[in-house]
Amino acid sequence: MKIGTPKEIYEGEARVAMTPDSARQLQKLGYECAIEAGAGAAAGFSDAAYEEAGVEVVKTAAALWKAADIIAKVRQPNETELKRLSKDKTLISFFNPGGNEEGLELAKSKGGNVIAMEMVPRISRAQKMDALSSMANIAGYRAVIEAGNNFGRFFTGQVTAAGKVPPAKVLVVGAGVAGLAAIGTSTSLGAMTFAFDVRPEVAEQVESMGAEFVYLDFEEQAADGAATGGYASVSSPEFREAQLAKFRELAPDMDIVITTALIPNREAPELWTEDMVKAMKPGSVIVDLAAEKGGNCKLTVADEKIVTDNGVTIIGYTDFPSRMAAQASTLYSTNIRHMMTDLTPEKDGKVAHNMEDDVIRGATVAYQGEITFPPPPPKVAAIAAQPKKEPPKELTPEEKRAQEVAAFKAQTKQQVTLLTVGAVLLLGVGLVAPASFMQHFIVFVLAVFVGFQVIWGVAHSLHTPLMAVTNAISSIIILGALMQIGSGSGLVVVLAAISVFMAGINIFGGFLVTRRMLAMFQKS
């Protein structure tokens, strides 16, 4: 079978669904590859590079669609392209099935199979095919670059002879893939970064990247991620009001706002209202990554950059991944290649469209003349929300006292039992062993007992548990060696001195290593 990639006809789209490298991998699966002339030029891939990789270069889109059994493209196909589908063809692309009813009906009438890359379920096995995440990662990074290009100051704070420059304050709304990419880029550029998300469980991720998570004084039961495919779900009106109130509080202080909030198959929620824009300082920048779905900002204009009356720049571009076409094409073509790997389990160049497979079924929106959107929930749960643990019950003073008494009794009973058993064993040994042996044996037993108590009682608060125990053992060795240094035997003195030296190295070296380990987690 032949895989073909046409040139994208969407105005300004520079990405391509097949690169020379991905074509080589597809050929290893047994497929022939074809591409329309000039399809990869805008992304930096020449026709000569494709020919060198063994890809057939076809002059026209019509000829390509006719020759190929599988069509891989980036943007949602238009009516002309869908009319070229037939029963023996499979189309793989972004399709927007939730808002493309006409396209679904046309695909149904043509009998072709359609795989929508944005419908790949968010389960662990499908991460390698998650094109939405691949493109969102690029969009988040590029959003910060675009913001910096339109912002009149440094991101990082500086103190120079000419004056002090404060760091930029960046707020990222939504901590999904795009949001986390924006947070990482912003913090690496030195900005003070703040982030908000309706899912409080992502706070750890945000803070681990050096940003500050914005919390709301509002409790709301999180929806199960398995039911929403791992995406954020619609919030209650009360939560939304608390959210907007927090944003109004933050708006005057923020220099850059990057909004990334999207809910699958819905219009983007309005999170940054007109009064928030008016409250921002002149020169501030808003980058709306949800512009294609209506925008999170009230004043966003899709595919345009506007400046408000109070000097706030609002960027509503919908082609952020396309602005990094080479990188985006490389990632997207890899997603396609992994999808083809699952569709070709035998690596024989033939598609096995297994509708029992969670990933393939979830991504398929039209199959053999039927519309299969929306898919059933995957058998494997997505990113399920963790159930909240019940807080431990607070004990009354009487209950605490009863617990302490019970613990003391149990500990006393254990110690008495051990001492009794030890005494009986010593008595048994004493009945059969000579007196000279018993003198040394009792000293040995007491040394073991004292050593055990010393090591067991070492606090771990200042260094690692392993270092604490080794230092305790080394200390006992030093004490024993010091007692033997005064011996009349020269050999004993030498051995004792060596013991002190070696144990001393272990102790002092241990503290030095511990200090260096702790320094790794300290900010200078």
Protein backbone atom coordinates (compact mmCIF):
# COMPACT_ATOMS: atom_id res chain seq x y z
CA MET A 1 0.00 0.00 0.00
CA LYS A 2 1.06 3.58 -0.60
CA ILE A 3 1.05 6.48 1.87
CA GLY A 4 0.70 9.92 0.30
CA THR A 5 1.04 13.40 1.79
CA PRO A 6 -0.47 16.35 -0.13
CA LYS A 7 0.57 19.97 0.20
CA GLU A 8 -1.48 21.78 2.86
CA ILE A 9 -4.01 24.12 1.24
CA TYR A 10 -4.91 26.03 4.41
CA GLU A 11 -3.59 29.56 4.00
CA GLY A 12 -0.33 30.11 5.90
CA GLU A 13 0.08 26.47 6.94
CA ALA A 14 3.75 25.52 6.65
CA ARG A 15 3.72 22.06 8.27
CA VAL A 16 3.86 18.78 6.41
CA ALA A 17 2.71 15.35 7.62
CA MET A 18 5.68 13.41 6.24
CA THR A 19 9.39 14.19 6.53
CA PRO A 20 12.24 12.33 4.81
CA ASP A 21 13.14 10.64 8.11
CA SER A 22 9.57 9.51 8.85
CA ALA A 23 9.28 8.24 5.26
CA ARG A 24 12.27 5.97 5.81
CA GLN A 25 10.59 4.53 8.92
CA LEU A 26 7.30 4.03 7.05
CA GLN A 27 9.13 2.14 4.33
CA LYS A 28 10.45 -0.24 6.98
CA LEU A 29 6.81 -1.04 7.76
CA GLY A 30 6.40 -2.17 4.16
CA TYR A 31 4.74 0.96 2.69
CA GLU A 32 5.58 2.94 -0.39
CA CYS A 33 5.67 6.70 0.16
CA ALA A 34 4.61 9.58 -2.07
CA ILE A 35 4.41 13.34 -1.59
CA GLU A 36 3.05 16.23 -3.60
CA ALA A 37 5.73 18.44 -5.15
CA GLY A 38 6.61 21.34 -2.84
CA ALA A 39 4.64 19.97 0.12
CA GLY A 40 7.61 20.19 2.48
CA ALA A 41 9.26 23.33 1.11
CA ALA A 42 7.76 25.71 3.70
CA ALA A 43 9.06 23.46 6.49
CA GLY A 44 12.54 23.27 5.01
CA PHE A 45 12.27 19.85 3.33
CA SER A 46 13.08 19.93 -0.38
CA ASP A 47 11.73 17.55 -3.02
CA ALA A 48 15.31 16.36 -3.57
CA ALA A 49 15.53 15.34 0.12
CA TYR A 50 12.36 13.27 -0.27
CA GLU A 51 13.63 11.62 -3.46
CA GLU A 52 16.86 10.75 -1.68
CA ALA A 53 14.77 9.07 1.03
CA GLY A 54 13.01 6.95 -1.60
CA VAL A 55 9.78 8.97 -1.71
CA GLU A 56 7.94 9.41 -5.01
CA VAL A 57 7.29 13.10 -5.77
CA VAL A 58 3.88 13.57 -7.45
CA LYS A 59 3.16 16.77 -9.36
CA THR A 60 -0.47 17.42 -8.36
CA ALA A 61 -2.73 16.83 -5.36
CA ALA A 62 -5.33 15.08 -7.54
CA ALA A 63 -2.77 12.59 -8.80
CA LEU A 64 -1.53 11.97 -5.27
CA TRP A 65 -5.01 11.32 -3.84
CA LYS A 66 -5.71 8.94 -6.72
CA ALA A 67 -2.48 6.97 -6.31
CA ALA A 68 -2.34 6.74 -2.50
CA ASP A 69 -4.22 4.25 -0.31
CA ILE A 70 -3.53 6.22 2.88
CA ILE A 71 -3.54 10.03 2.98
CA ALA A 72 -1.67 11.71 5.83
CA LYS A 73 -2.10 15.44 6.25
CA VAL A 74 -2.08 18.11 8.95
CA ARG A 75 -5.07 20.46 8.71
CA GLN A 76 -8.74 19.57 8.59
CA PRO A 77 -9.59 18.54 5.00
CA ASN A 78 -11.94 20.75 3.00
CA GLU A 79 -14.86 19.60 0.86
CA THR A 80 -12.74 19.17 -2.28
CA GLU A 81 -10.31 16.89 -0.47
CA LEU A 82 -13.03 14.83 1.19
CA LYS A 83 -14.71 14.24 -2.18
CA ARG A 84 -11.53 12.44 -3.24
CA LEU A 85 -12.04 9.81 -0.53
CA SER A 86 -13.25 6.34 -1.50
CA LYS A 87 -14.03 3.03 0.20
CA ASP A 88 -10.48 1.76 -0.17
CA LYS A 89 -8.79 4.87 1.26
CA THR A 90 -7.86 5.92 4.80
CA LEU A 91 -7.40 9.55 5.80
CA ILE A 92 -5.27 10.50 8.82
CA SER A 93 -5.31 14.16 9.88
CA PHE A 94 -6.70 16.66 12.33
CA PHE A 95 -10.45 16.62 11.65
CA ASN A 96 -12.32 18.54 14.39
CA PRO A 97 -15.11 15.92 14.51
CA GLY A 98 -17.02 17.78 17.23
CA GLY A 99 -17.48 20.83 15.00
CA ASN A 100 -17.31 19.28 11.54
CA GLU A 101 -20.62 17.50 11.04
CA GLU A 102 -20.66 18.19 7.30
CA GLY A 103 -17.21 16.65 6.95
CA LEU A 104 -18.30 13.54 8.85
CA GLU A 105 -21.38 13.13 6.66
CA LEU A 106 -19.30 13.53 3.49
CA ALA A 107 -16.75 10.98 4.72
CA LYS A 108 -19.65 8.62 5.50
CA SER A 109 -21.11 9.01 2.03
CA LYS A 110 -17.74 8.28 0.45
CA GLY A 111 -17.22 5.19 2.61
CA GLY A 112 -13.66 6.13 3.52
CA ASN A 113 -12.01 5.54 6.87
CA VAL A 114 -11.02 8.69 8.78
CA ILE A 115 -8.63 8.80 11.74
CA ALA A 116 -8.69 12.12 13.62
CA MET A 117 -5.35 12.72 15.32
CA GLU A 118 -6.87 14.99 17.98
CA MET A 119 -9.07 12.07 19.11
CA VAL A 120 -6.17 9.83 20.17
CA PRO A 121 -7.11 8.84 23.75
CA ARG A 122 -4.86 10.09 26.52
CA ILE A 123 -3.66 6.77 27.87
CA SER A 124 -0.05 5.78 28.48
CA ARG A 125 0.24 3.50 25.45
CA ALA A 126 -0.96 6.25 23.10
CA GLN A 127 1.38 9.03 24.23
CA LYS A 128 3.66 8.45 21.23
CA MET A 129 0.68 9.25 18.93
CA ASP A 130 -0.65 12.23 20.89
CA ALA A 131 -0.39 14.90 18.21
CA LEU A 132 -2.38 17.39 20.27
CA SER A 133 0.28 17.29 22.97
CA SER A 134 3.09 17.53 20.42
CA MET A 135 1.61 20.65 18.86
CA ALA A 136 0.56 22.13 22.22
CA ASN A 137 4.13 21.80 23.46
CA ILE A 138 5.36 23.88 20.53
CA ALA A 139 2.50 26.37 20.88
CA GLY A 140 3.30 26.97 24.56
CA TYR A 141 6.95 27.59 23.82
CA ARG A 142 6.22 29.82 20.85
CA ALA A 143 3.63 31.82 22.82
CA VAL A 144 6.34 33.00 25.22
CA ILE A 145 8.63 33.89 22.32
CA GLU A 146 5.83 35.91 20.66
CA ALA A 147 5.06 37.61 23.97
CA GLY A 148 8.72 38.54 24.40
CA ASN A 149 8.82 39.91 20.86
CA ASN A 150 5.95 42.27 21.72
CA PHE A 151 7.01 43.09 25.28
CA GLY A 152 9.17 46.17 25.73
CA ARG A 153 11.37 44.89 28.56
CA PHE A 154 13.61 42.05 29.66
CA PHE A 155 12.04 38.93 31.10
CA THR A 156 14.71 38.62 33.77
CA GLY A 157 15.44 41.29 36.36
CA GLN A 158 18.73 43.17 36.04
CA VAL A 159 20.72 45.63 38.12
CA THR A 160 22.95 47.78 35.91
CA ALA A 161 24.86 51.03 36.21
CA ALA A 162 22.04 52.64 34.24
CA GLY A 163 19.38 51.50 36.69
CA LYS A 164 17.40 48.56 37.99
CA VAL A 165 15.10 46.51 35.75
CA PRO A 166 12.42 44.45 37.56
CA PRO A 167 11.65 40.95 36.26
CA ALA A 168 8.56 40.51 34.11
CA LYS A 169 5.53 38.93 35.75
CA VAL A 170 3.94 36.21 33.62
CA LEU A 171 0.60 34.51 34.33
CA VAL A 172 -0.13 31.24 32.54
CA VAL A 173 -3.81 30.25 32.67
CA GLY A 174 -4.11 26.49 32.22
CA ALA A 175 -1.33 24.05 33.15
CA GLY A 176 -1.84 21.44 30.46
CA VAL A 177 0.87 20.56 27.94
CA ALA A 178 0.90 24.04 26.36
CA GLY A 179 0.76 25.72 29.75
CA LEU A 180 3.65 23.69 31.17
CA ALA A 181 5.73 24.42 28.06
CA ALA A 182 5.00 28.15 28.50
CA ILE A 183 5.88 27.96 32.21
CA GLY A 184 9.18 26.22 31.49
CA THR A 185 10.14 28.74 28.82
CA SER A 186 9.11 31.73 30.92
CA THR A 187 11.01 30.63 34.04
CA SER A 188 14.11 29.76 32.00
CA LEU A 189 14.07 33.33 30.63
CA GLY A 190 14.06 34.66 34.19
CA ALA A 191 10.48 35.92 34.56
CA MET A 192 8.44 35.65 37.75
CA THR A 193 5.94 33.08 36.59
CA PHE A 194 2.49 32.41 38.05
CA ALA A 195 0.15 29.65 36.90
CA PHE A 196 -3.48 28.74 37.44
CA ASP A 197 -5.41 25.59 36.64
CA VAL A 198 -8.81 24.26 37.67
CA ARG A 199 -7.08 21.01 38.63
CA PRO A 200 -5.24 21.64 41.93
CA GLU A 201 -3.37 18.35 41.55
CA VAL A 202 -1.10 19.97 38.91
CA ALA A 203 0.23 22.45 41.51
CA GLU A 204 3.20 20.15 42.22
CA GLN A 205 4.20 20.11 38.55
CA VAL A 206 3.93 23.89 38.34
CA GLU A 207 6.00 24.49 41.47
CA SER A 208 8.64 21.94 40.43
CA MET A 209 9.27 24.10 37.34
CA GLY A 210 9.97 27.19 39.44
CA ALA A 211 6.58 28.88 39.05
CA GLU A 212 4.07 29.86 41.72
CA PHE A 213 0.67 28.18 41.64
CA VAL A 214 -2.32 30.48 42.13
CA TYR A 215 -4.77 28.88 44.56
CA LEU A 216 -8.44 29.75 45.02
CA ASP A 217 -10.20 29.83 48.39
CA PHE A 218 -12.86 27.58 46.91
CA GLU A 219 -13.43 23.85 47.24
CA GLU A 220 -14.85 21.95 44.28
CA GLN A 221 -14.96 18.20 43.67
CA ALA A 222 -12.64 17.40 40.76
CA ALA A 223 -14.15 15.44 37.89
CA ASP A 224 -12.67 12.03 37.17
CA GLY A 225 -10.01 12.44 34.49
CA ALA A 226 -11.03 9.10 32.98
CA ALA A 227 -14.39 10.60 32.04
CA THR A 228 -12.86 13.63 30.35
CA GLY A 229 -9.92 11.97 28.63
CA GLY A 230 -7.44 13.57 30.99
CA TYR A 231 -8.59 17.11 30.14
CA ALA A 232 -10.04 19.78 32.40
CA SER A 233 -13.83 19.69 32.66
CA VAL A 234 -16.49 22.39 32.87
CA SER A 235 -16.50 24.19 36.23
CA SER A 236 -19.51 25.21 38.29
CA PRO A 237 -20.80 28.83 38.07
CA GLU A 238 -19.67 29.44 41.66
CA PHE A 239 -16.15 28.26 40.89
CA ARG A 240 -16.07 30.40 37.76
CA GLU A 241 -17.00 33.52 39.73
CA ALA A 242 -14.25 32.84 42.27
CA GLN A 243 -11.83 32.27 39.40
CA LEU A 244 -12.70 35.56 37.66
CA ALA A 245 -12.44 37.44 40.96
CA LYS A 246 -8.90 36.09 41.41
CA PHE A 247 -7.95 37.11 37.85
CA ARG A 248 -9.29 40.64 38.44
CA GLU A 249 -7.05 40.81 41.49
CA LEU A 250 -3.99 39.68 39.50
CA ALA A 251 -4.59 41.66 36.29
CA PRO A 252 -3.03 45.03 37.34
CA ASP A 253 0.23 43.32 38.39
CA MET A 254 0.78 41.05 35.38
CA ASP A 255 2.97 42.07 32.43
CA ILE A 256 2.23 39.04 30.26
CA VAL A 257 -0.80 36.73 30.30
CA ILE A 258 -0.82 33.46 28.33
CA THR A 259 -4.18 31.68 28.20
CA THR A 260 -4.31 28.02 27.16
CA ALA A 261 -7.70 26.83 28.49
CA LEU A 262 -9.60 24.54 26.13
CA ILE A 263 -12.29 21.91 26.71
CA PRO A 264 -12.57 19.23 23.97
CA ASN A 265 -15.35 19.76 21.43
CA ARG A 266 -16.49 23.04 23.05
CA GLU A 267 -15.92 26.72 22.53
CA ALA A 268 -13.07 28.10 24.61
CA PRO A 269 -14.23 29.41 28.02
CA GLU A 270 -14.00 33.20 28.47
CA LEU A 271 -11.54 33.75 31.32
CA TRP A 272 -9.98 37.16 30.66
CA THR A 273 -12.77 39.70 30.44
CA GLU A 274 -12.75 43.21 28.98
CA ASP A 275 -12.46 44.87 32.41
CA MET A 276 -9.38 42.74 33.17
CA VAL A 277 -7.74 43.95 29.95
CA LYS A 278 -8.53 47.57 30.93
CA ALA A 279 -6.96 46.99 34.36
CA MET A 280 -3.62 45.89 32.85
CA LYS A 281 -0.66 48.24 32.49
CA PRO A 282 0.21 49.86 29.12
CA GLY A 283 2.73 47.69 27.29
CA SER A 284 1.33 44.45 28.70
CA VAL A 285 0.83 41.47 26.39
CA ILE A 286 -1.89 38.80 26.20
CA VAL A 287 -1.26 35.67 24.11
CA ASP A 288 -4.46 33.68 23.56
CA LEU A 289 -3.70 30.10 22.53
CA ALA A 290 -7.43 29.32 22.42
CA ALA A 291 -8.13 31.89 19.67
CA GLU A 292 -9.11 29.17 17.16
CA LYS A 293 -12.00 28.13 19.44
CA GLY A 294 -13.22 31.66 20.18
CA GLY A 295 -10.50 32.69 22.61
CA ASN A 296 -10.15 32.86 26.39
CA CYS A 297 -9.89 36.66 26.17
CA LYS A 298 -13.02 38.65 25.37
CA LEU A 299 -11.18 40.96 22.96
CA THR A 300 -9.17 38.32 21.07
CA VAL A 301 -9.43 38.46 17.26
CA ALA A 302 -8.45 35.17 15.61
CA ASP A 303 -5.30 35.33 13.42
CA GLU A 304 -4.68 38.96 14.34
CA LYS A 305 -2.62 41.04 16.74
CA ILE A 306 -4.44 44.06 18.13
CA VAL A 307 -3.52 46.87 20.54
CA THR A 308 -6.24 48.16 22.88
CA ASP A 309 -6.88 51.80 23.77
CA ASN A 310 -4.92 51.37 27.02
CA GLY A 311 -1.89 49.94 25.20
CA VAL A 312 -2.35 46.20 25.81
CA THR A 313 -1.26 43.96 22.93
CA ILE A 314 -3.53 40.92 22.34
CA ILE A 315 -2.13 38.18 20.11
CA GLY A 316 -4.70 35.77 18.66
CA TYR A 317 -2.62 33.80 16.17
CA THR A 318 -3.89 30.29 15.44
CA ASP A 319 -0.74 29.02 13.73
CA PHE A 320 1.83 28.89 16.54
CA PRO A 321 3.06 25.35 15.65
CA SER A 322 3.25 26.39 11.98
CA ARG A 323 5.56 29.25 12.97
CA MET A 324 8.07 26.53 13.92
CA ALA A 325 7.28 24.39 10.90
CA ALA A 326 10.39 22.21 10.78
CA GLN A 327 10.13 21.19 14.44
CA ALA A 328 6.36 20.78 14.31
CA SER A 329 6.52 18.68 11.14
CA THR A 330 9.15 16.42 12.68
CA LEU A 331 7.03 15.77 15.77
CA TYR A 332 3.73 15.41 13.91
CA SER A 333 5.17 13.05 11.29
CA THR A 334 6.54 10.92 14.15
CA ASN A 335 3.03 10.78 15.65
CA ILE A 336 1.70 9.63 12.25
CA ARG A 337 4.44 7.04 11.94
CA HIS A 338 3.59 5.57 15.37
CA MET A 339 -0.08 5.46 14.38
CA MET A 340 0.87 3.54 11.23
CA THR A 341 2.95 1.16 13.35
CA ASP A 342 -0.17 0.27 15.36
CA LEU A 343 -2.19 -0.02 12.15
CA THR A 344 0.42 -2.39 10.69
CA PRO A 345 1.10 -5.03 13.36
CA GLU A 346 2.58 -7.47 10.81
CA LYS A 347 4.88 -4.81 9.22
CA ASP A 348 3.74 -6.06 5.85
CA GLY A 349 2.62 -2.75 4.33
CA LYS A 350 -1.08 -3.52 4.86
CA VAL A 351 -3.46 -1.69 7.17
CA ALA A 352 -5.21 -3.81 9.83
CA HIS A 353 -7.88 -1.42 11.15
CA ASN A 354 -8.60 -3.13 14.48
CA MET A 355 -11.69 -1.46 15.98
CA GLU A 356 -11.21 -3.51 19.18
CA ASP A 357 -8.03 -1.56 19.91
CA ASP A 358 -8.68 1.34 22.32
CA VAL A 359 -6.36 3.74 20.52
CA ILE A 360 -7.47 2.99 16.96
CA ARG A 361 -11.15 2.91 17.91
CA GLY A 362 -10.89 6.16 19.85
CA ALA A 363 -9.21 8.01 16.97
CA THR A 364 -11.48 6.61 14.22
CA VAL A 365 -14.37 8.98 13.46
CA ALA A 366 -15.64 7.34 10.25
CA TYR A 367 -15.32 3.68 9.30
CA GLN A 368 -16.73 1.69 6.37
CA GLY A 369 -19.54 4.10 5.60
CA GLU A 370 -20.50 4.75 9.24
CA ILE A 371 -19.83 7.68 11.55
CA THR A 372 -18.09 6.30 14.66
CA PHE A 373 -17.81 9.59 16.55
CA PRO A 374 -18.01 9.98 19.51
CA PRO A 375 -16.08 6.88 20.60
CA PRO A 376 -16.93 4.85 23.71
CA PRO A 377 -14.79 5.49 26.82
CA PRO A 378 -11.49 3.59 26.60
CA LYS A 379 -11.27 0.31 28.49
CA VAL A 380 -8.07 1.61 30.09
CA ALA A 381 -8.81 4.64 32.26
CA ALA A 382 -7.11 7.90 31.38
CA ILE A 383 -5.62 10.17 34.01
CA ALA A 384 -8.10 9.44 36.77
CA ALA A 385 -8.55 11.91 39.57
CA GLN A 386 -7.06 10.67 42.82
CA PRO A 387 -9.67 10.19 45.55
CA LYS A 388 -9.17 12.55 48.45
CA LYS A 389 -7.89 10.86 51.56
CA GLU A 390 -9.95 11.28 54.67
CA PRO A 391 -8.07 13.47 57.17
CA PRO A 392 -6.91 11.50 60.22
CA LYS A 393 -9.32 11.67 63.13
CA GLU A 394 -8.09 14.02 65.85
CA LEU A 395 -7.78 12.17 69.14
CA THR A 396 -9.00 13.51 72.46
CA PRO A 397 -6.45 13.95 75.31
CA GLU A 398 -7.87 10.83 77.01
CA GLU A 399 -7.46 8.77 73.81
CA LYS A 400 -3.89 10.03 73.34
CA ARG A 401 -3.06 9.12 76.94
CA ALA A 402 -4.55 5.64 76.47
CA GLN A 403 -2.47 5.14 73.29
CA GLU A 404 0.74 6.22 75.07
CA VAL A 405 0.07 3.87 78.01
CA ALA A 406 -0.64 0.95 75.65
CA ALA A 407 2.55 1.65 73.67
CA PHE A 408 4.62 1.90 76.88
CA LYS A 409 3.23 -1.41 78.16
CA ALA A 410 3.94 -3.16 74.86
CA GLN A 411 7.50 -1.79 74.76
CA THR A 412 8.14 -2.77 78.39
CA LYS A 413 6.82 -6.27 77.78
CA GLN A 414 9.11 -6.68 74.75
CA GLN A 415 12.19 -5.45 76.65
CA VAL A 416 11.50 -7.64 79.69
CA THR A 417 11.06 -10.66 77.41
CA LEU A 418 14.36 -9.98 75.61
CA LEU A 419 16.25 -9.42 78.90
CA THR A 420 14.80 -12.63 80.37
CA VAL A 421 15.76 -14.67 77.31
CA GLY A 422 19.25 -13.10 77.34
CA ALA A 423 19.75 -13.80 81.02
CA VAL A 424 18.68 -17.45 80.60
CA LEU A 425 21.09 -17.86 77.66
CA LEU A 426 23.96 -16.30 79.64
CA LEU A 427 23.22 -18.56 82.57
CA GLY A 428 23.20 -21.59 80.29
CA VAL A 429 26.56 -20.63 78.77
CA GLY A 430 27.98 -19.95 82.26
CA LEU A 431 27.14 -23.45 83.44
CA VAL A 432 29.36 -25.07 80.82
CA ALA A 433 32.04 -22.41 79.99
CA PRO A 434 35.18 -21.66 82.05
CA ALA A 435 35.35 -18.46 84.15
CA SER A 436 38.05 -16.83 81.92
CA PHE A 437 35.81 -17.18 78.87
CA MET A 438 32.74 -15.81 80.66
CA GLN A 439 34.59 -12.61 81.66
CA HIS A 440 35.33 -11.76 78.02
CA PHE A 441 31.96 -13.05 76.81
CA ILE A 442 29.99 -10.78 79.16
CA VAL A 443 32.05 -7.77 78.02
CA PHE A 444 31.33 -8.73 74.40
CA VAL A 445 27.58 -9.07 75.01
CA LEU A 446 27.41 -5.73 76.83
CA ALA A 447 29.40 -4.06 74.02
CA VAL A 448 26.98 -5.44 71.44
CA PHE A 449 24.00 -4.24 73.51
CA VAL A 450 25.43 -0.74 74.04
CA GLY A 451 26.51 -0.48 70.39
CA PHE A 452 23.06 -1.47 69.19
CA GLN A 453 21.38 1.10 71.44
CA VAL A 454 23.79 3.84 70.30
CA ILE A 455 23.30 3.13 66.59
CA TRP A 456 19.53 2.69 66.90
CA GLY A 457 19.20 6.01 68.74
CA VAL A 458 21.11 8.15 66.20
CA ALA A 459 18.93 11.03 64.93
CA HIS A 460 18.65 11.40 61.15
CA SER A 461 17.75 15.07 61.18
CA LEU A 462 21.18 16.41 60.18
CA HIS A 463 22.28 13.85 57.60
CA THR A 464 21.11 10.79 55.73
CA PRO A 465 20.09 7.64 57.66
CA LEU A 466 22.85 5.60 56.00
CA MET A 467 25.50 8.20 56.91
CA ALA A 468 24.14 8.41 60.47
CA VAL A 469 24.48 4.66 61.03
CA THR A 470 27.95 4.39 59.45
CA ASN A 471 29.16 7.34 61.54
CA ALA A 472 27.82 5.68 64.70
CA ILE A 473 29.63 2.43 63.87
CA SER A 474 32.84 4.34 63.09
CA SER A 475 32.56 6.15 66.44
CA ILE A 476 32.37 2.83 68.28
CA ILE A 477 35.44 1.61 66.36
CA ILE A 478 37.36 4.76 67.36
CA LEU A 479 36.42 4.33 71.04
CA GLY A 480 37.58 0.71 70.99
CA ALA A 481 40.81 1.63 69.21
CA LEU A 482 41.58 4.44 71.67
CA MET A 483 41.24 2.00 74.54
CA GLN A 484 43.80 -0.30 72.88
CA ILE A 485 46.37 2.39 71.97
CA GLY A 486 47.82 2.22 75.47
CA SER A 487 48.51 -1.50 75.11
CA GLY A 488 52.03 -2.83 75.67
CA SER A 489 52.06 -4.65 72.34
CA GLY A 490 53.49 -2.66 69.44
CA LEU A 491 51.37 -4.53 66.90
CA VAL A 492 48.16 -3.70 68.83
CA VAL A 493 49.14 -0.01 68.98
CA VAL A 494 49.78 0.11 65.22
CA LEU A 495 46.49 -1.61 64.42
CA ALA A 496 44.61 0.69 66.81
CA ALA A 497 46.19 3.78 65.21
CA ILE A 498 45.22 2.55 61.72
CA SER A 499 41.67 1.94 62.97
CA VAL A 500 41.41 5.49 64.34
CA PHE A 501 42.78 6.91 61.07
CA MET A 502 40.43 4.93 58.79
CA ALA A 503 37.33 5.50 60.93
CA GLY A 504 38.16 9.21 61.15
CA ILE A 505 38.29 9.43 57.35
CA ASN A 506 34.91 7.73 57.19
CA ILE A 507 33.31 10.14 59.69
CA PHE A 508 34.74 13.42 58.40
CA GLY A 509 34.41 12.35 54.77
CA GLY A 510 30.79 11.39 55.44
CA PHE A 511 30.00 14.83 56.79
CA LEU A 512 31.69 16.50 53.80
CA VAL A 513 29.73 14.37 51.32
CA THR A 514 26.50 15.07 53.20
CA ARG A 515 27.20 18.81 53.11
CA ARG A 516 27.76 18.70 49.35
CA MET A 517 24.53 16.73 48.88
CA LEU A 518 22.57 19.29 50.91
CA ALA A 519 24.16 22.14 48.95
CA MET A 520 22.66 20.71 45.75
CA PHE A 521 19.21 21.59 47.06
CA GLN A 522 20.07 25.08 48.29
CA LYS A 523 19.73 28.28 46.30
CA SER A 524 22.78 30.50 46.49
